Amino acid sequence: MGCNLKTYPPSYPSPARGEGSILASTQKIYKVSEITREIRAILESRFPVVWVEGEISNYKRHGSGHIYFTLKDETAQLNAVFFANANQFLKFELEDGLHVICIGRISVYDQRGQYQIYVQRMEPKGLGALQLRFLQLKEKLEKEGLFREERKKPIPLYPKRIGIVTSPTGAAIQDMLKILKRRTFGLEVFVFPVRVQGDGAAEEISDGIDRLNQFGRLDLIIVGRGGGSLEDLWAFNEEQVARAIARSEIPIVSAVGHEVDWTMADFVADFRAHTPTAAAEKVVMNWDELDERLREVRERMQTAIKNLVGSKREALMSAKESYAFRQPQVYINQLSQRLDELLRQMQNYLNRVFQEKKQLLRSWAGKLHTLSPLGVLDRGYSLTFDSQGSLLKDVKQIQVGEFIRTQLKSGTLKSKVTELGAKDGIRT
């Protein structure tokens, strides 16, 4: 009786003789690192941004600040990494068993050859459609750059005209006014009343921001309300409010809820205050510091003036007890006598200087006379000039028959040239 014998798994046929080298040369053989890179590229291109829901297990925070955990559900698990630069903005504590929604990208950790999610943001599960809407809008506005620090305007150090967009009946406005009113800097506060929750609240808030910008003449605008649930605060998460804050030309301080509450208005505003009270404190903070410095300066000035007056009073009392105040006429006579003495000394000094200068002048005059042409006449010489008054130095300057004038010590004489002589004889 025959039977069919089958093997499982089926064996692959052996290559015919001489075929082994042909298969080896045509078949692609990957290295482990190469196939890993190929798989990573496929995963990263297929899942650049994913939203993954699951339960945290094996939670561990590394000393570097990175967070490692496993995200799991009933039938599968996924390794996750939450780097420090991303988890620093996490608003709640992580723990095993917590149900969360992670936003990130899927990739491969080459050293272990395992795929995992690199978490960029995380939110607790269970907040429903509002939370999802919040995250989606936040991602949209963040991509547009509305949260960038470089687009935010600086808060004035000393604002004097402040606008407030809030409910006129809530506790928030009362808390803020209580702080602003107790300052004595002449602050002007303009309240724009709006609804801060419910239908139409977002429209009123954005309209209030726009209207205060049209009003101008304001240094700062505070937008906010007191604490509440996510639904209560939702008006400040609406896109139109965020865009009204972004287009405001006046710096805006967001003051919504409590410290743990974050809204879209907080991300877009130029400054986020933890509470409405903190917003009012921020506005007057520098005024308070200035007031304190002025008070210190005033106290130092008062102390300095008091010390100066005391010093001058002592000097006055000392002068009052001095000899000059006790015997003023005698003191004046002494000063008069001292003045006469100084005048006499000055006259003597001037006379002595005059005599010295006079003697010096005579000496220089004698020297000048010795060098003068007139001094030559005193020694028996004479000077001869032609009819034009030019001094004759050579017989070639004169002709026979011309008249000449001779200067002697005692006077002058005129004569007519009858003949001319040279050193070696007479020329007629």
Protein backbone atom coordinates (compact mmCIF):
# COMPACT_ATOMS: atom_id res chain seq x y z
CA MET A 1 0.00 0.00 0.00
CA GLY A 2 1.58 3.27 -1.02
CA CYS A 3 1.43 6.70 0.73
CA ASN A 4 2.39 10.31 -0.06
CA LEU A 5 5.05 11.64 2.37
CA LYS A 6 5.23 15.45 2.67
CA THR A 7 7.66 17.55 4.64
CA TYR A 8 6.69 20.81 6.43
CA PRO A 9 7.94 23.32 5.96
CA PRO A 10 8.72 22.39 2.39
CA SER A 11 12.40 22.23 1.64
CA TYR A 12 13.89 24.64 -0.88
CA PRO A 13 15.45 22.99 -3.91
CA SER A 14 19.18 22.77 -3.90
CA PRO A 15 20.91 24.69 -6.62
CA ALA A 16 22.14 22.71 -9.52
CA ARG A 17 25.78 22.16 -9.90
CA GLY A 18 27.48 25.39 -10.86
CA GLU A 19 24.49 27.60 -9.95
CA GLY A 20 25.61 28.72 -6.46
CA SER A 21 27.89 31.46 -7.73
CA ILE A 22 25.15 32.83 -10.00
CA LEU A 23 22.64 33.24 -7.07
CA ALA A 24 25.24 34.90 -4.86
CA SER A 25 26.06 37.49 -7.48
CA THR A 26 22.46 38.50 -8.29
CA GLN A 27 20.74 38.46 -4.85
CA LYS A 28 20.88 41.69 -2.67
CA ILE A 29 22.37 40.88 0.74
CA TYR A 30 21.74 43.54 3.46
CA LYS A 31 23.83 44.32 6.46
CA VAL A 32 21.88 44.63 9.72
CA SER A 33 22.49 48.39 9.86
CA GLU A 34 21.38 48.78 6.24
CA ILE A 35 18.08 46.97 6.66
CA THR A 36 17.49 48.90 9.89
CA ARG A 37 17.99 52.22 8.11
CA GLU A 38 15.61 51.13 5.35
CA ILE A 39 12.93 50.19 7.88
CA ARG A 40 13.43 53.49 9.77
CA ALA A 41 13.06 55.52 6.57
CA ILE A 42 9.81 53.71 5.73
CA LEU A 43 8.38 54.25 9.22
CA GLU A 44 9.38 57.91 9.43
CA SER A 45 7.91 58.70 6.02
CA ARG A 46 4.73 56.77 6.79
CA PHE A 47 4.20 58.11 10.32
CA PRO A 48 5.77 61.62 10.55
CA VAL A 49 3.08 62.76 13.02
CA VAL A 50 0.81 60.33 14.86
CA TRP A 51 -1.62 60.52 17.77
CA VAL A 52 -1.42 57.40 19.92
CA GLU A 53 -3.66 56.58 22.87
CA GLY A 54 -2.63 54.15 25.57
CA GLU A 55 -1.74 53.39 29.16
CA ILE A 56 1.65 54.24 30.65
CA SER A 57 3.74 51.41 32.12
CA ASN A 58 7.43 50.92 33.01
CA TYR A 59 7.66 54.68 33.58
CA LYS A 60 11.17 55.96 34.28
CA ARG A 61 12.62 59.50 34.35
CA HIS A 62 16.35 59.51 33.59
CA GLY A 63 18.81 61.86 35.30
CA SER A 64 19.17 63.69 31.98
CA GLY A 65 15.49 64.66 32.16
CA HIS A 66 14.43 62.23 29.39
CA ILE A 67 11.37 60.09 30.12
CA TYR A 68 11.13 56.43 29.00
CA PHE A 69 7.96 54.35 29.22
CA THR A 70 5.80 51.81 27.45
CA LEU A 71 2.48 52.77 25.91
CA LYS A 72 0.12 49.79 25.88
CA ASP A 73 -3.46 48.67 25.38
CA GLU A 74 -5.16 45.30 25.81
CA THR A 75 -3.23 43.50 23.05
CA ALA A 76 -0.05 45.41 22.19
CA GLN A 77 2.59 47.76 23.49
CA LEU A 78 4.82 50.49 22.06
CA ASN A 79 8.07 51.83 23.50
CA ALA A 80 8.09 55.61 23.96
CA VAL A 81 10.70 58.29 24.57
CA PHE A 82 9.86 61.80 25.84
CA PHE A 83 13.01 63.96 25.59
CA ALA A 84 13.75 66.66 28.19
CA ASN A 85 13.46 69.56 25.75
CA ALA A 86 9.92 68.42 24.92
CA ASN A 87 8.65 67.32 28.35
CA GLN A 88 9.72 70.49 30.16
CA PHE A 89 6.36 72.03 29.25
CA LEU A 90 4.34 69.08 30.61
CA LYS A 91 1.57 70.37 32.86
CA PHE A 92 0.97 67.17 34.88
CA GLU A 93 2.94 64.40 36.53
CA LEU A 94 3.32 61.04 34.78
CA GLU A 95 2.84 57.70 36.53
CA ASP A 96 2.19 54.07 35.65
CA GLY A 97 -1.43 53.36 34.79
CA LEU A 98 -2.17 56.87 33.52
CA HIS A 99 -4.20 56.90 30.29
CA VAL A 100 -2.77 59.47 27.88
CA ILE A 101 -2.75 60.69 24.30
CA CYS A 102 0.74 61.10 22.83
CA ILE A 103 1.60 63.15 19.78
CA GLY A 104 4.89 62.29 18.09
CA ARG A 105 6.63 60.43 15.31
CA ILE A 106 7.44 56.77 14.78
CA SER A 107 11.07 55.77 14.20
CA VAL A 108 13.58 53.00 14.92
CA TYR A 109 16.23 52.82 17.65
CA ASP A 110 19.10 51.31 15.64
CA GLN A 111 21.11 49.84 18.52
CA ARG A 112 18.23 47.62 19.62
CA GLY A 113 16.48 47.30 16.28
CA GLN A 114 13.12 48.26 17.82
CA TYR A 115 10.59 50.79 16.65
CA GLN A 116 9.25 53.38 19.11
CA ILE A 117 7.40 56.66 19.33
CA TYR A 118 9.31 59.87 20.00
CA VAL A 119 6.77 61.91 21.97
CA GLN A 120 6.57 65.64 21.26
CA ARG A 121 3.48 66.47 23.31
CA MET A 122 1.22 64.59 25.72
CA GLU A 123 -2.19 65.19 27.22
CA PRO A 124 -4.21 63.12 29.68
CA LYS A 125 -7.01 61.07 28.15
CA GLY A 126 -10.59 61.77 29.14
CA LEU A 127 -11.04 65.49 28.46
CA GLY A 128 -13.04 64.78 25.31
CA ALA A 129 -13.55 66.74 22.12
CA LEU A 130 -12.69 70.13 23.68
CA GLN A 131 -9.21 68.99 24.58
CA LEU A 132 -8.67 67.55 21.12
CA ARG A 133 -9.90 70.80 19.59
CA PHE A 134 -7.56 72.73 21.85
CA LEU A 135 -4.56 70.64 20.75
CA GLN A 136 -5.43 70.94 17.09
CA LEU A 137 -5.80 74.73 17.29
CA LYS A 138 -2.62 75.02 19.32
CA GLU A 139 -0.69 73.09 16.70
CA LYS A 140 -2.14 75.25 13.93
CA LEU A 141 -1.33 78.57 15.59
CA GLU A 142 2.09 77.37 16.65
CA LYS A 143 2.95 76.51 13.05
CA GLU A 144 1.87 80.03 12.05
CA GLY A 145 4.33 81.46 14.57
CA LEU A 146 1.82 83.15 16.88
CA PHE A 147 3.60 81.78 19.95
CA ARG A 148 7.11 82.92 19.01
CA GLU A 149 8.82 85.11 21.58
CA GLU A 150 10.33 87.42 18.96
CA ARG A 151 6.87 88.66 17.85
CA LYS A 152 5.79 89.56 21.38
CA LYS A 153 5.88 93.16 22.52
CA PRO A 154 7.62 94.28 25.73
CA ILE A 155 5.44 95.21 28.69
CA PRO A 156 5.82 98.93 29.59
CA LEU A 157 7.74 99.49 32.80
CA TYR A 158 5.54 102.35 33.98
CA PRO A 159 2.09 102.14 32.34
CA LYS A 160 -0.32 104.94 33.28
CA ARG A 161 -3.34 104.21 31.07
CA ILE A 162 -4.56 100.61 31.36
CA GLY A 163 -7.44 98.88 29.57
CA ILE A 164 -9.15 95.78 31.03
CA VAL A 165 -11.31 93.38 29.00
CA THR A 166 -13.29 91.24 31.45
CA SER A 167 -16.65 90.77 33.12
CA PRO A 168 -17.74 93.87 35.07
CA THR A 169 -19.41 91.73 37.75
CA GLY A 170 -16.81 89.01 38.33
CA ALA A 171 -14.40 88.69 41.23
CA ALA A 172 -11.45 89.17 38.86
CA ILE A 173 -12.18 92.83 38.13
CA GLN A 174 -12.71 93.57 41.81
CA ASP A 175 -9.38 91.97 42.73
CA MET A 176 -7.55 93.92 40.03
CA LEU A 177 -9.18 97.27 40.86
CA LYS A 178 -8.43 96.78 44.53
CA ILE A 179 -4.72 96.57 43.72
CA LEU A 180 -4.71 99.36 41.13
CA LYS A 181 -6.72 101.80 43.26
CA ARG A 182 -4.44 101.67 46.26
CA ARG A 183 -1.58 103.07 44.18
CA THR A 184 -1.10 106.83 44.13
CA PHE A 185 0.57 107.22 40.75
CA GLY A 186 -2.45 108.65 38.96
CA LEU A 187 -3.22 105.45 37.03
CA GLU A 188 -6.14 105.62 34.60
CA VAL A 189 -8.12 102.40 34.18
CA PHE A 190 -10.60 101.78 31.34
CA VAL A 191 -12.83 98.70 31.76
CA PHE A 192 -14.41 97.21 28.63
CA PRO A 193 -17.25 94.96 29.94
CA VAL A 194 -17.72 91.60 28.19
CA ARG A 195 -19.10 88.18 28.84
CA VAL A 196 -16.30 85.74 29.68
CA GLN A 197 -18.12 82.44 29.12
CA GLY A 198 -21.00 81.05 27.13
CA ASP A 199 -22.23 81.73 23.62
CA GLY A 200 -20.97 84.98 22.15
CA ALA A 201 -18.27 85.48 24.81
CA ALA A 202 -15.39 84.98 22.37
CA GLU A 203 -16.86 87.55 19.96
CA GLU A 204 -17.22 90.13 22.74
CA ILE A 205 -13.69 89.55 24.03
CA SER A 206 -12.08 89.90 20.58
CA ASP A 207 -14.26 92.96 19.87
CA GLY A 208 -13.18 94.52 23.17
CA ILE A 209 -9.51 94.07 22.27
CA ASP A 210 -10.04 95.63 18.84
CA ARG A 211 -12.08 98.54 20.24
CA LEU A 212 -9.45 99.40 22.85
CA ASN A 213 -6.82 99.40 20.12
CA GLN A 214 -8.95 101.83 18.12
CA PHE A 215 -9.34 103.97 21.22
CA GLY A 216 -5.54 104.18 21.36
CA ARG A 217 -3.85 106.22 24.06
CA LEU A 218 -3.43 103.06 26.18
CA ASP A 219 -0.14 101.70 27.45
CA LEU A 220 -1.38 98.19 28.25
CA ILE A 221 -4.42 95.88 28.02
CA ILE A 222 -5.28 93.11 30.51
CA VAL A 223 -7.52 90.30 29.19
CA GLY A 224 -8.85 87.68 31.58
CA ARG A 225 -11.23 86.26 34.13
CA GLY A 226 -11.23 84.15 37.30
CA GLY A 227 -10.80 80.39 37.48
CA GLY A 228 -13.20 77.71 36.30
CA SER A 229 -13.52 74.46 34.41
CA LEU A 230 -12.22 73.88 30.90
CA GLU A 231 -15.69 74.66 29.58
CA ASP A 232 -15.86 77.88 31.63
CA LEU A 233 -12.52 79.10 30.27
CA TRP A 234 -13.17 77.98 26.71
CA ALA A 235 -13.90 81.46 25.31
CA PHE A 236 -10.20 82.25 25.81
CA ASN A 237 -9.31 79.17 23.73
CA GLU A 238 -11.22 80.33 20.67
CA GLU A 239 -9.22 81.14 17.56
CA GLN A 240 -10.76 84.59 17.11
CA VAL A 241 -9.64 85.67 20.59
CA ALA A 242 -6.12 84.38 19.94
CA ARG A 243 -5.93 86.28 16.66
CA ALA A 244 -7.31 89.48 18.22
CA ILE A 245 -4.53 89.30 20.83
CA ALA A 246 -1.94 88.62 18.12
CA ARG A 247 -2.94 91.63 16.00
CA SER A 248 -3.16 94.04 18.94
CA GLU A 249 -0.72 96.93 18.63
CA ILE A 250 -0.97 97.50 22.39
CA PRO A 251 0.88 95.02 24.65
CA ILE A 252 -1.51 92.49 26.19
CA VAL A 253 -1.28 90.66 29.52
CA SER A 254 -3.29 87.44 29.71
CA ALA A 255 -4.82 86.76 33.14
CA VAL A 256 -7.10 83.74 32.79
CA GLY A 257 -7.99 81.42 35.66
CA HIS A 258 -5.45 80.05 38.10
CA GLU A 259 -1.77 79.16 37.76
CA VAL A 260 -2.53 75.63 36.51
CA ASP A 261 -4.94 76.88 33.83
CA TRP A 262 -3.48 77.42 30.36
CA THR A 263 -5.51 78.86 27.48
CA MET A 264 -4.74 79.87 23.92
CA ALA A 265 -4.78 83.50 25.09
CA ASP A 266 -1.85 82.69 27.41
CA PHE A 267 0.27 81.36 24.55
CA VAL A 268 -0.37 84.32 22.24
CA ALA A 269 -0.32 87.18 24.78
CA ASP A 270 2.79 89.27 25.29
CA PHE A 271 2.86 88.24 28.96
CA ARG A 272 1.02 85.51 30.82
CA ALA A 273 0.03 86.24 34.44
CA HIS A 274 -0.94 83.28 36.62
CA THR A 275 -4.06 85.03 37.94
CA PRO A 276 -5.88 88.37 37.49
CA THR A 277 -4.38 89.49 40.79
CA ALA A 278 -0.90 88.63 39.53
CA ALA A 279 -1.63 90.66 36.37
CA ALA A 280 -2.47 93.76 38.40
CA GLU A 281 0.64 93.24 40.52
CA LYS A 282 2.73 92.98 37.35
CA VAL A 283 1.33 96.28 36.06
CA VAL A 284 2.24 98.25 39.20
CA MET A 285 5.36 96.30 40.12
CA ASN A 286 7.81 98.86 38.73
CA TRP A 287 5.72 101.72 40.10
CA ASP A 288 6.06 100.14 43.55
CA GLU A 289 9.81 99.78 43.10
CA LEU A 290 10.03 103.39 41.93
CA ASP A 291 7.98 104.52 44.92
CA GLU A 292 10.31 102.60 47.24
CA ARG A 293 13.38 104.14 45.61
CA LEU A 294 11.87 107.63 45.83
CA ARG A 295 11.06 107.02 49.48
CA GLU A 296 14.65 105.96 50.13
CA VAL A 297 16.00 108.98 48.23
CA ARG A 298 13.65 111.28 50.15
CA GLU A 299 14.82 109.84 53.46
CA ARG A 300 18.47 110.20 52.45
CA MET A 301 17.87 113.80 51.36
CA GLN A 302 16.12 114.61 54.63
CA THR A 303 18.99 113.07 56.57
CA ALA A 304 21.58 114.94 54.47
CA ILE A 305 19.74 118.27 54.87
CA LYS A 306 19.39 117.70 58.60
CA ASN A 307 23.11 116.99 58.89
CA LEU A 308 23.98 120.02 56.73
CA VAL A 309 21.77 122.35 58.79
CA GLY A 310 23.31 120.99 61.98
CA SER A 311 26.81 121.52 60.62
CA LYS A 312 26.04 125.09 59.52
CA ARG A 313 24.40 125.81 62.87
CA GLU A 314 27.57 124.70 64.65
CA ALA A 315 29.68 126.84 62.30
CA LEU A 316 27.41 129.83 62.98
CA MET A 317 27.66 129.34 66.73
CA SER A 318 31.44 129.05 66.41
CA ALA A 319 31.56 132.26 64.36
CA LYS A 320 29.30 133.97 66.85
CA GLU A 321 31.74 133.19 69.64
CA SER A 322 34.77 134.28 67.60
CA TYR A 323 36.84 137.46 68.27
CA ALA A 324 35.50 139.18 65.15
CA PHE A 325 31.93 139.04 66.35
CA ARG A 326 32.81 140.02 69.90
CA GLN A 327 35.02 143.04 68.91
CA PRO A 328 34.01 143.96 65.33
CA GLN A 329 35.51 147.51 65.28
CA VAL A 330 38.85 146.34 66.54
CA TYR A 331 38.85 143.58 63.95
CA ILE A 332 37.99 146.07 61.20
CA ASN A 333 40.81 148.42 62.35
CA GLN A 334 43.26 145.56 62.21
CA LEU A 335 42.16 144.71 58.71
CA SER A 336 42.50 148.38 57.67
CA GLN A 337 46.00 148.52 59.12
CA ARG A 338 46.91 145.33 57.33
CA LEU A 339 45.61 146.84 54.09
CA ASP A 340 47.83 149.94 54.53
CA GLU A 341 50.79 147.69 55.13
CA LEU A 342 50.10 145.71 51.98
CA LEU A 343 49.74 148.92 49.93
CA ARG A 344 53.07 150.19 51.22
CA GLN A 345 54.75 146.93 50.37
CA MET A 346 53.24 147.08 46.92
CA GLN A 347 54.52 150.64 46.31
CA ASN A 348 58.02 149.70 47.41
CA TYR A 349 57.96 146.70 45.17
CA LEU A 350 56.80 148.75 42.16
CA ASN A 351 59.46 151.44 42.74
CA ARG A 352 62.17 148.82 42.91
CA VAL A 353 60.95 147.18 39.73
CA PHE A 354 60.76 150.60 38.02
CA GLN A 355 64.38 151.47 38.90
CA GLU A 356 65.62 148.10 37.71
CA LYS A 357 63.83 148.47 34.41
CA LYS A 358 65.05 152.07 34.01
CA GLN A 359 68.67 151.04 34.53
CA LEU A 360 68.26 148.18 32.07
CA LEU A 361 66.78 150.59 29.50
CA ARG A 362 69.75 152.96 29.83
CA SER A 363 72.15 150.11 29.33
CA TRP A 364 70.41 149.00 26.16
CA ALA A 365 70.21 152.64 24.89
CA GLY A 366 74.00 153.03 25.30
CA LYS A 367 74.62 149.87 23.37
CA LEU A 368 72.27 150.98 20.62
CA HIS A 369 73.98 154.42 20.40
CA THR A 370 77.37 152.76 20.07
CA LEU A 371 76.13 150.74 17.14
CA SER A 372 74.24 153.69 15.61
CA PRO A 373 75.67 155.61 12.61
CA LEU A 374 75.39 158.75 14.73
CA GLY A 375 77.81 157.24 17.17
CA VAL A 376 80.44 157.19 14.42
CA LEU A 377 80.15 160.98 14.12
CA ASP A 378 81.07 161.37 17.80
CA ARG A 379 84.39 159.72 17.02
CA GLY A 380 85.35 162.34 14.35
CA TYR A 381 83.94 160.70 11.28
CA SER A 382 81.42 162.12 8.82
CA LEU A 383 78.70 160.84 6.46
CA THR A 384 78.30 162.13 2.87
CA PHE A 385 75.06 162.03 0.87
CA ASP A 386 74.29 162.86 -2.74
CA SER A 387 71.71 165.43 -3.80
CA GLN A 388 69.02 162.74 -3.51
CA GLY A 389 69.94 161.93 0.10
CA SER A 390 71.55 158.56 -0.62
CA LEU A 391 74.64 157.65 1.40
CA LEU A 392 77.81 157.75 -0.71
CA LYS A 393 79.94 154.67 -0.31
CA ASP A 394 81.89 154.77 -3.60
CA VAL A 395 83.19 157.57 -5.87
CA LYS A 396 81.45 155.87 -8.73
CA GLN A 397 78.14 157.05 -7.25
CA ILE A 398 78.90 160.74 -7.97
CA GLN A 399 79.98 162.91 -10.91
CA VAL A 400 82.10 166.06 -11.07
CA GLY A 401 79.94 169.14 -10.77
CA GLU A 402 77.28 167.51 -8.57
CA PHE A 403 76.44 168.87 -5.16
CA ILE A 404 76.91 166.74 -2.06
CA ARG A 405 75.94 167.09 1.63
CA THR A 406 78.28 166.12 4.46
CA GLN A 407 76.98 165.26 7.97
CA LEU A 408 79.35 166.16 10.81
CA LYS A 409 78.86 165.83 14.56
CA SER A 410 77.98 169.48 14.97
CA GLY A 411 76.06 169.99 11.70
CA THR A 412 76.07 169.69 7.90
CA LEU A 413 77.84 171.38 4.99
CA LYS A 414 77.16 171.48 1.24
CA SER A 415 79.85 171.37 -1.43
CA LYS A 416 80.34 170.97 -5.17
CA VAL A 417 82.50 168.20 -6.55
CA THR A 418 85.34 169.64 -8.61
CA GLU A 419 87.35 166.52 -8.99
CA LEU A 420 87.20 162.80 -8.14
CA GLY A 421 90.03 160.69 -6.82
CA ALA A 422 90.61 156.95 -6.47
CA LYS A 423 92.80 154.96 -4.14
CA ASP A 424 95.60 155.04 -6.68
CA GLY A 425 95.16 158.66 -7.86
CA ILE A 426 92.83 161.45 -8.95
CA ARG A 427 90.13 161.02 -11.60
CA THR A 428 88.63 164.19 -13.11
